[in-house]
């Protein structure tokens, strides 16, 4: 750990943010394993293989869709497309209707069932050789590049796959880590890709100009403790990358405007057990932990300094998933909706009003 890094010790009360519970749902069958949000909806994926949709902020039931593909381990929503990963080792893209009645239309299955379980792909990591890769491996995380329309998936076999959704094919596969790939995020501004793993490393990748392959730019962190979660926070004047580890610490890196290099800028300490999920919205950072709490942090404008705004302890089990969206009624008042899912089989929606005082 960098001795010059900034450490924030959080307070145990909600001094700078008003947090109120807006909705709470208990799932009697199966645990919630993944969530995704749009401006006015939240989607949940569970161990029962159901995709459920709820209207925000009151969590009005919009319906559900049963998938024949096992538990839904990760999901992400972009526009009218929902991406999901399943226990059958496949990733699916769905088109959903924003209407009150939830409907799903499958756009793609990756890899397609009509193909062999072995697919031809180009190897990354500065290696121009090609290889056949076994796709019957559990997919643990995903991220979407909205500009290039590329889907990145991370797997238990230490690899990252890059998919072209419209063509339904894998354009690249490369070994990223020495352990399971835990999380992937894409910087939509410069298209850098960040991956982390249970091997304790966090890496930065960049696509080769005019090619489909990615190369390793730098290893941002290498530690004995598993890294479980990543999140990016971009504001008009700065960009920060956050990682959450099993030691309960959040590390963060600031991007240099000219060079594009990410420098370690500090760490946040407050959770008692492993951090399982992270989310960002504006200059707010949300962390969910095995200690059953959610912590809200705020980064100062144009500065790496952070303050602790709130500790939410409404769950009775580890907080597995987090997502945040601006609350439409309070867009000009600093209000956000925080959605959290826990292994206590509950989904909760919190209204958070941030004060600048």
Protein backbone atom coordinates (compact mmCIF):
# COMPACT_ATOMS: atom_id res chain seq x y z
CA UNK A 1 0.00 0.00 0.00
CA UNK A 2 1.31 3.45 -0.90
CA UNK A 3 2.25 5.22 2.33
CA UNK A 4 1.48 8.58 0.73
CA UNK A 5 -2.02 7.47 -0.26
CA UNK A 6 -5.04 9.18 1.18
CA UNK A 7 -6.99 7.12 3.69
CA UNK A 8 -10.52 8.05 4.72
CA UNK A 9 -11.87 6.65 7.99
CA UNK A 10 -15.68 6.88 7.73
CA UNK A 11 -18.00 8.10 10.41
CA UNK A 12 -20.72 5.75 11.60
CA UNK A 13 -23.68 8.02 11.00
CA UNK A 14 -25.37 9.61 8.00
CA UNK A 15 -24.14 13.19 8.46
CA UNK A 16 -24.11 14.44 4.88
CA UNK A 17 -26.75 12.34 3.13
CA UNK A 18 -30.37 11.66 3.97
CA UNK A 19 -31.09 7.98 3.29
CA UNK A 20 -34.63 6.58 3.37
CA UNK A 21 -35.93 3.15 2.37
CA UNK A 22 -38.26 3.44 -0.63
CA UNK A 23 -39.04 -0.24 -1.27
CA UNK A 24 -38.08 -3.68 0.03
CA UNK A 25 -38.85 -7.03 -1.58
CA UNK A 26 -38.18 -10.51 -0.20
CA UNK A 27 -37.64 -13.40 -2.61
CA UNK A 28 -38.85 -16.64 -1.06
CA UNK A 29 -37.29 -18.79 -3.78
CA UNK A 30 -33.67 -18.34 -4.74
CA UNK A 31 -31.12 -15.61 -4.17
CA UNK A 32 -30.63 -12.48 -6.28
CA UNK A 33 -27.29 -12.86 -8.04
CA UNK A 34 -27.30 -9.83 -10.36
CA UNK A 35 -29.08 -6.53 -11.00
CA UNK A 36 -29.12 -3.87 -13.72
CA UNK A 37 -30.87 -0.50 -13.88
CA UNK A 38 -32.18 1.92 -16.47
CA UNK A 39 -33.58 5.38 -15.78
CA UNK A 40 -36.91 4.04 -14.52
CA UNK A 41 -36.55 0.25 -14.18
CA UNK A 42 -34.53 -2.36 -12.34
CA UNK A 43 -33.88 -5.90 -13.54
CA UNK A 44 -32.95 -8.79 -11.26
CA UNK A 45 -31.37 -12.13 -12.11
CA UNK A 46 -31.67 -14.99 -9.66
CA UNK A 47 -30.64 -18.57 -8.97
CA UNK A 48 -34.10 -19.64 -10.19
CA UNK A 49 -33.20 -18.60 -13.79
CA UNK A 50 -35.85 -15.84 -13.82
CA UNK A 51 -35.31 -12.30 -15.09
CA UNK A 52 -37.63 -9.97 -13.21
CA UNK A 53 -38.41 -6.31 -14.00
CA UNK A 54 -39.57 -3.68 -11.51
CA UNK A 55 -40.69 -0.09 -11.91
CA UNK A 56 -38.64 2.44 -9.95
CA UNK A 57 -38.80 3.85 -7.34
CA UNK A 58 -41.64 1.90 -5.71
CA UNK A 59 -40.60 -1.48 -7.22
CA UNK A 60 -43.92 -2.08 -8.94
CA UNK A 61 -43.93 -5.55 -10.52
CA UNK A 62 -43.64 -5.29 -14.33
CA UNK A 63 -43.40 -9.04 -14.92
CA UNK A 64 -40.75 -11.70 -15.33
CA UNK A 65 -39.29 -13.99 -17.97
CA UNK A 66 -38.19 -17.57 -17.35
CA UNK A 67 -34.98 -18.59 -19.09
CA UNK A 68 -34.10 -22.25 -19.68
CA UNK A 69 -30.46 -21.60 -18.99
CA UNK A 70 -29.89 -21.81 -15.24
CA UNK A 71 -28.98 -19.13 -12.74
CA UNK A 72 -28.24 -15.60 -13.97
CA UNK A 73 -24.85 -14.62 -12.61
CA UNK A 74 -24.27 -11.19 -14.16
CA UNK A 75 -26.28 -8.63 -16.14
CA UNK A 76 -25.98 -5.18 -17.67
CA UNK A 77 -28.52 -2.89 -19.39
CA UNK A 78 -27.68 -0.50 -22.25
CA UNK A 79 -30.41 1.32 -24.15
CA UNK A 80 -33.08 -1.29 -24.86
CA UNK A 81 -30.65 -4.21 -24.64
CA UNK A 82 -30.11 -6.42 -21.60
CA UNK A 83 -27.04 -8.66 -21.41
CA UNK A 84 -27.06 -11.69 -19.10
CA UNK A 85 -24.66 -14.52 -18.26
CA UNK A 86 -25.95 -17.95 -17.28
CA UNK A 87 -24.80 -21.14 -15.59
CA UNK A 88 -24.91 -22.96 -18.96
CA UNK A 89 -21.68 -21.03 -19.77
CA UNK A 90 -23.38 -18.78 -22.31
CA UNK A 91 -24.10 -15.07 -22.54
CA UNK A 92 -27.34 -13.73 -23.99
CA UNK A 93 -28.47 -10.40 -25.40
CA UNK A 94 -32.15 -9.48 -25.05
CA UNK A 95 -34.27 -6.67 -26.38
CA UNK A 96 -36.74 -5.42 -23.78
CA UNK A 97 -39.73 -3.15 -24.04
CA UNK A 98 -39.74 -0.03 -21.83
CA UNK A 99 -43.52 -0.27 -21.47
CA UNK A 100 -45.39 -1.22 -18.31
CA UNK A 101 -45.60 -4.85 -19.48
CA UNK A 102 -42.18 -6.49 -19.36
CA UNK A 103 -41.29 -8.46 -22.47
CA UNK A 104 -38.02 -9.98 -23.62
CA UNK A 105 -36.94 -10.86 -27.14
CA UNK A 106 -33.69 -12.76 -27.53
CA UNK A 107 -31.22 -11.09 -29.90
CA UNK A 108 -28.22 -13.37 -29.54
CA UNK A 109 -26.76 -16.35 -27.71
CA UNK A 110 -22.97 -16.33 -27.32
CA UNK A 111 -21.54 -18.65 -28.40
CA UNK A 112 -24.40 -19.74 -30.69
CA UNK A 113 -25.73 -23.20 -29.95
CA UNK A 114 -25.48 -24.24 -33.58
CA UNK A 115 -21.70 -23.91 -33.39
CA UNK A 116 -19.24 -26.28 -31.81
CA UNK A 117 -18.27 -25.67 -28.23
CA UNK A 118 -14.82 -24.87 -29.64
CA UNK A 119 -14.50 -21.60 -31.51
CA UNK A 120 -11.70 -20.03 -33.51
CA UNK A 121 -10.36 -16.78 -32.09
CA UNK A 122 -7.31 -14.57 -32.13
CA UNK A 123 -5.03 -14.62 -29.14
CA UNK A 124 -4.16 -11.36 -27.40
CA UNK A 125 -1.34 -10.30 -25.08
CA UNK A 126 1.03 -9.38 -27.93
CA UNK A 127 0.72 -12.89 -29.36
CA UNK A 128 -0.41 -13.01 -32.97
CA UNK A 129 -1.00 -16.75 -33.04
CA UNK A 130 -4.47 -18.23 -33.10
CA UNK A 131 -6.00 -21.02 -31.08
CA UNK A 132 -9.13 -23.01 -30.47
CA UNK A 133 -10.83 -22.11 -27.24
CA UNK A 134 -13.27 -24.15 -25.19
CA UNK A 135 -16.38 -22.07 -24.47
CA UNK A 136 -17.81 -24.44 -21.87
CA UNK A 137 -16.47 -22.28 -19.06
CA UNK A 138 -18.45 -20.32 -16.48
CA UNK A 139 -18.79 -16.60 -17.33
CA UNK A 140 -18.37 -14.48 -14.21
CA UNK A 141 -18.67 -10.86 -15.42
CA UNK A 142 -19.34 -8.65 -18.44
CA UNK A 143 -19.03 -5.08 -19.73
CA UNK A 144 -20.20 -3.34 -22.90
CA UNK A 145 -18.37 -0.85 -25.13
CA UNK A 146 -21.21 1.33 -26.42
CA UNK A 147 -19.08 3.05 -29.07
CA UNK A 148 -17.67 -0.06 -30.72
CA UNK A 149 -20.69 -2.24 -29.81
CA UNK A 150 -18.38 -4.85 -28.30
CA UNK A 151 -19.25 -7.08 -25.35
CA UNK A 152 -16.47 -8.17 -23.00
CA UNK A 153 -16.95 -11.28 -20.87
CA UNK A 154 -14.65 -12.59 -18.15
CA UNK A 155 -14.50 -16.27 -17.25
CA UNK A 156 -13.40 -18.69 -14.58
CA UNK A 157 -10.66 -19.97 -16.91
CA UNK A 158 -8.77 -16.65 -16.53
CA UNK A 159 -9.69 -15.39 -20.02
CA UNK A 160 -11.52 -12.42 -21.50
CA UNK A 161 -13.64 -12.84 -24.64
CA UNK A 162 -14.62 -9.99 -26.95
CA UNK A 163 -17.88 -10.38 -28.90
CA UNK A 164 -19.48 -8.58 -31.81
CA UNK A 165 -23.15 -8.75 -30.94
CA UNK A 166 -24.58 -8.11 -34.42
CA UNK A 167 -22.37 -10.77 -35.97
CA UNK A 168 -22.79 -13.13 -33.01
CA UNK A 169 -19.14 -14.07 -32.99
CA UNK A 170 -16.05 -13.89 -30.81
CA UNK A 171 -13.41 -11.62 -32.32
CA UNK A 172 -10.77 -12.12 -29.65
CA UNK A 173 -9.90 -14.24 -26.63
CA UNK A 174 -6.92 -13.66 -24.37
CA UNK A 175 -5.64 -14.86 -21.02
CA UNK A 176 -5.94 -11.91 -18.66
CA UNK A 177 -5.09 -13.29 -15.22
CA UNK A 178 -3.88 -16.30 -13.24
CA UNK A 179 -7.26 -16.68 -11.55
CA UNK A 180 -10.96 -16.17 -12.21
CA UNK A 181 -11.77 -12.81 -13.81
CA UNK A 182 -13.92 -11.08 -11.18
CA UNK A 183 -14.96 -7.84 -12.90
CA UNK A 184 -14.56 -5.83 -16.11
CA UNK A 185 -15.22 -2.15 -16.78
CA UNK A 186 -14.84 -0.14 -19.99
CA UNK A 187 -13.99 3.56 -20.10
CA UNK A 188 -16.45 4.75 -22.75
CA UNK A 189 -14.37 7.88 -23.39
CA UNK A 190 -10.98 6.36 -24.27
CA UNK A 191 -12.10 2.68 -24.61
CA UNK A 192 -9.56 1.40 -22.12
CA UNK A 193 -10.60 -1.90 -20.54
CA UNK A 194 -9.91 -2.78 -16.90
CA UNK A 195 -10.02 -6.29 -15.46
CA UNK A 196 -9.48 -7.66 -11.96
CA UNK A 197 -9.17 -11.14 -10.56
CA UNK A 198 -9.17 -13.32 -7.49
CA UNK A 199 -5.41 -13.60 -8.11
CA UNK A 200 -5.12 -10.08 -6.65
CA UNK A 201 -4.20 -8.24 -9.84
CA UNK A 202 -5.85 -5.31 -11.61
CA UNK A 203 -4.87 -4.68 -15.24
CA UNK A 204 -5.43 -2.04 -17.90
CA UNK A 205 -5.84 -3.02 -21.57
CA UNK A 206 -6.11 -1.02 -24.76
CA UNK A 207 -7.26 -1.98 -28.24
CA UNK A 208 -4.55 -1.94 -30.92
CA UNK A 209 -5.23 0.79 -33.49
CA UNK A 210 -7.05 -0.58 -36.56
CA UNK A 211 -6.98 -4.10 -35.13
CA UNK A 212 -9.34 -6.22 -33.08
CA UNK A 213 -6.80 -7.30 -30.46
CA UNK A 214 -6.08 -5.79 -27.04
CA UNK A 215 -2.68 -5.36 -25.42
CA UNK A 216 -1.73 -5.03 -21.77
CA UNK A 217 -0.87 -1.41 -20.94
CA UNK A 218 -0.03 -1.75 -17.25
CA UNK A 219 -0.66 -3.73 -14.08
CA UNK A 220 -2.24 -1.25 -11.70
CA UNK A 221 -2.16 -3.53 -8.66
CA UNK A 222 -0.76 -6.88 -7.58
CA UNK A 223 -1.59 -8.04 -4.06
CA UNK A 224 -2.21 -11.33 -2.21
CA UNK A 225 -5.83 -10.34 -1.52
CA UNK A 226 -8.54 -11.08 -4.15
CA UNK A 227 -10.04 -8.09 -5.97
CA UNK A 228 -13.80 -8.55 -6.34
CA UNK A 229 -15.25 -5.38 -7.89
CA UNK A 230 -14.45 -2.44 -10.17
CA UNK A 231 -16.16 0.86 -10.97
CA UNK A 232 -15.31 3.96 -13.02
CA UNK A 233 -16.30 7.50 -12.09
CA UNK A 234 -16.06 10.13 -14.84
CA UNK A 235 -16.83 13.77 -14.19
CA UNK A 236 -16.24 16.72 -16.54
CA UNK A 237 -12.78 17.42 -15.13
CA UNK A 238 -11.56 14.05 -13.87
CA UNK A 239 -11.75 10.27 -14.13
CA UNK A 240 -11.15 7.75 -11.33
CA UNK A 241 -11.03 3.96 -11.19
CA UNK A 242 -12.08 2.14 -8.00
CA UNK A 243 -11.44 -1.43 -6.88
CA UNK A 244 -12.92 -3.36 -3.96
CA UNK A 245 -10.98 -6.18 -2.28
CA UNK A 246 -11.58 -9.02 0.15
CA UNK A 247 -9.64 -7.10 2.82
CA UNK A 248 -12.45 -4.51 2.92
CA UNK A 249 -10.38 -1.74 1.29
CA UNK A 250 -11.29 0.40 -1.73
CA UNK A 251 -8.27 1.52 -3.76
CA UNK A 252 -8.58 4.24 -6.37
CA UNK A 253 -6.56 5.65 -9.27
CA UNK A 254 -6.76 9.04 -10.96
CA UNK A 255 -6.28 9.48 -14.71
CA UNK A 256 -3.72 11.98 -15.96
CA UNK A 257 -5.37 14.22 -18.56
CA UNK A 258 -2.37 14.49 -20.91
CA UNK A 259 -0.76 11.04 -20.72
CA UNK A 260 -3.88 9.00 -19.96
CA UNK A 261 -1.95 7.15 -17.28
CA UNK A 262 -3.73 6.02 -14.11
CA UNK A 263 -1.88 6.77 -10.86
CA UNK A 264 -2.74 5.32 -7.46
CA UNK A 265 -4.32 8.17 -5.51
CA UNK A 266 -5.44 6.62 -2.24
CA UNK A 267 -7.66 4.13 -0.48
CA UNK A 268 -10.87 4.15 1.53
CA UNK A 269 -11.24 2.05 4.66
CA UNK A 270 -14.46 1.41 6.54
CA UNK A 271 -15.88 -2.04 5.80
CA UNK A 272 -15.13 -4.85 8.25
CA UNK A 273 -15.21 -7.67 5.70
CA UNK A 274 -14.81 -8.23 1.96
CA UNK A 275 -16.16 -5.71 -0.53
CA UNK A 276 -18.37 -7.57 -3.01
CA UNK A 277 -19.69 -4.79 -5.26
CA UNK A 278 -19.13 -1.16 -6.27
CA UNK A 279 -21.18 1.43 -8.14
CA UNK A 280 -20.64 5.07 -9.06
CA UNK A 281 -22.86 7.96 -10.08
CA UNK A 282 -21.34 11.38 -10.59
CA UNK A 283 -18.78 11.89 -7.81
CA UNK A 284 -20.52 9.42 -5.49
CA UNK A 285 -19.08 5.96 -4.84
CA UNK A 286 -21.17 3.15 -3.37
CA UNK A 287 -19.70 0.02 -1.82
CA UNK A 288 -21.46 -3.16 -0.70
CA UNK A 289 -19.82 -5.63 1.63
CA UNK A 290 -19.90 -9.02 3.25
CA UNK A 291 -20.48 -7.10 6.50
CA UNK A 292 -24.08 -6.43 5.27
CA UNK A 293 -23.59 -2.67 4.98
CA UNK A 294 -23.59 -0.15 2.12
CA UNK A 295 -21.28 2.83 2.35
CA UNK A 296 -21.62 6.05 0.37
CA UNK A 297 -18.54 8.15 -0.37
CA UNK A 298 -18.12 11.45 -2.18
CA UNK A 299 -15.06 12.65 -4.09
CA UNK A 300 -14.26 16.35 -3.92
CA UNK A 301 -14.51 18.22 -7.22
CA UNK A 302 -11.10 18.25 -8.94
CA UNK A 303 -9.45 16.52 -5.99
CA UNK A 304 -8.63 12.95 -4.88
CA UNK A 305 -9.97 13.72 -1.39
CA UNK A 306 -13.04 11.72 -0.36
CA UNK A 307 -15.52 12.02 2.48
CA UNK A 308 -17.81 9.40 3.97
CA UNK A 309 -21.47 10.41 3.62
CA UNK A 310 -23.46 7.48 4.95
CA UNK A 311 -23.52 3.92 6.23
CA UNK A 312 -26.67 1.96 5.37
CA UNK A 313 -27.24 -1.20 7.40
CA UNK A 314 -30.68 -2.36 6.30
CA UNK A 315 -29.63 -5.82 5.06
CA UNK A 316 -29.13 -8.95 7.17
CA UNK A 317 -26.67 -10.66 4.86
CA UNK A 318 -23.79 -9.85 2.50
CA UNK A 319 -24.60 -7.16 -0.07
CA UNK A 320 -24.02 -8.90 -3.40
CA UNK A 321 -25.12 -6.26 -5.95
CA UNK A 322 -25.39 -2.47 -6.18
CA UNK A 323 -26.66 -0.02 -8.79
CA UNK A 324 -27.53 3.68 -8.75
CA UNK A 325 -29.55 6.02 -10.93
CA UNK A 326 -30.66 9.65 -10.73
CA UNK A 327 -34.17 9.94 -9.35
CA UNK A 328 -36.19 11.76 -12.00
CA UNK A 329 -38.21 13.73 -9.45
CA UNK A 330 -35.04 15.04 -7.82
CA UNK A 331 -32.67 15.43 -10.78
CA UNK A 332 -32.00 19.05 -9.92
CA UNK A 333 -31.91 18.44 -6.17
CA UNK A 334 -29.08 15.91 -5.93
CA UNK A 335 -31.35 12.91 -5.31
CA UNK A 336 -30.41 9.38 -6.36
CA UNK A 337 -31.91 5.93 -6.09
CA UNK A 338 -29.63 3.19 -4.76
CA UNK A 339 -30.65 -0.39 -5.51
CA UNK A 340 -29.11 -3.17 -3.43
CA UNK A 341 -29.47 -6.95 -3.43
CA UNK A 342 -28.30 -9.19 -0.63
CA UNK A 343 -27.80 -12.87 0.06
CA UNK A 344 -30.56 -12.42 2.65
CA UNK A 345 -32.84 -12.75 -0.43
CA UNK A 346 -33.99 -9.13 -0.37
CA UNK A 347 -33.96 -6.33 -2.91
CA UNK A 348 -34.06 -2.82 -1.48
CA UNK A 349 -34.33 0.63 -3.06
CA UNK A 350 -33.05 3.63 -1.11
CA UNK A 351 -33.68 7.32 -1.73
CA UNK A 352 -30.51 9.27 -1.06
CA UNK A 353 -30.46 13.05 -0.88
CA UNK A 354 -26.90 14.39 -0.85
CA UNK A 355 -26.18 17.67 0.88
CA UNK A 356 -23.22 19.89 -0.05
CA UNK A 357 -23.22 21.53 3.34
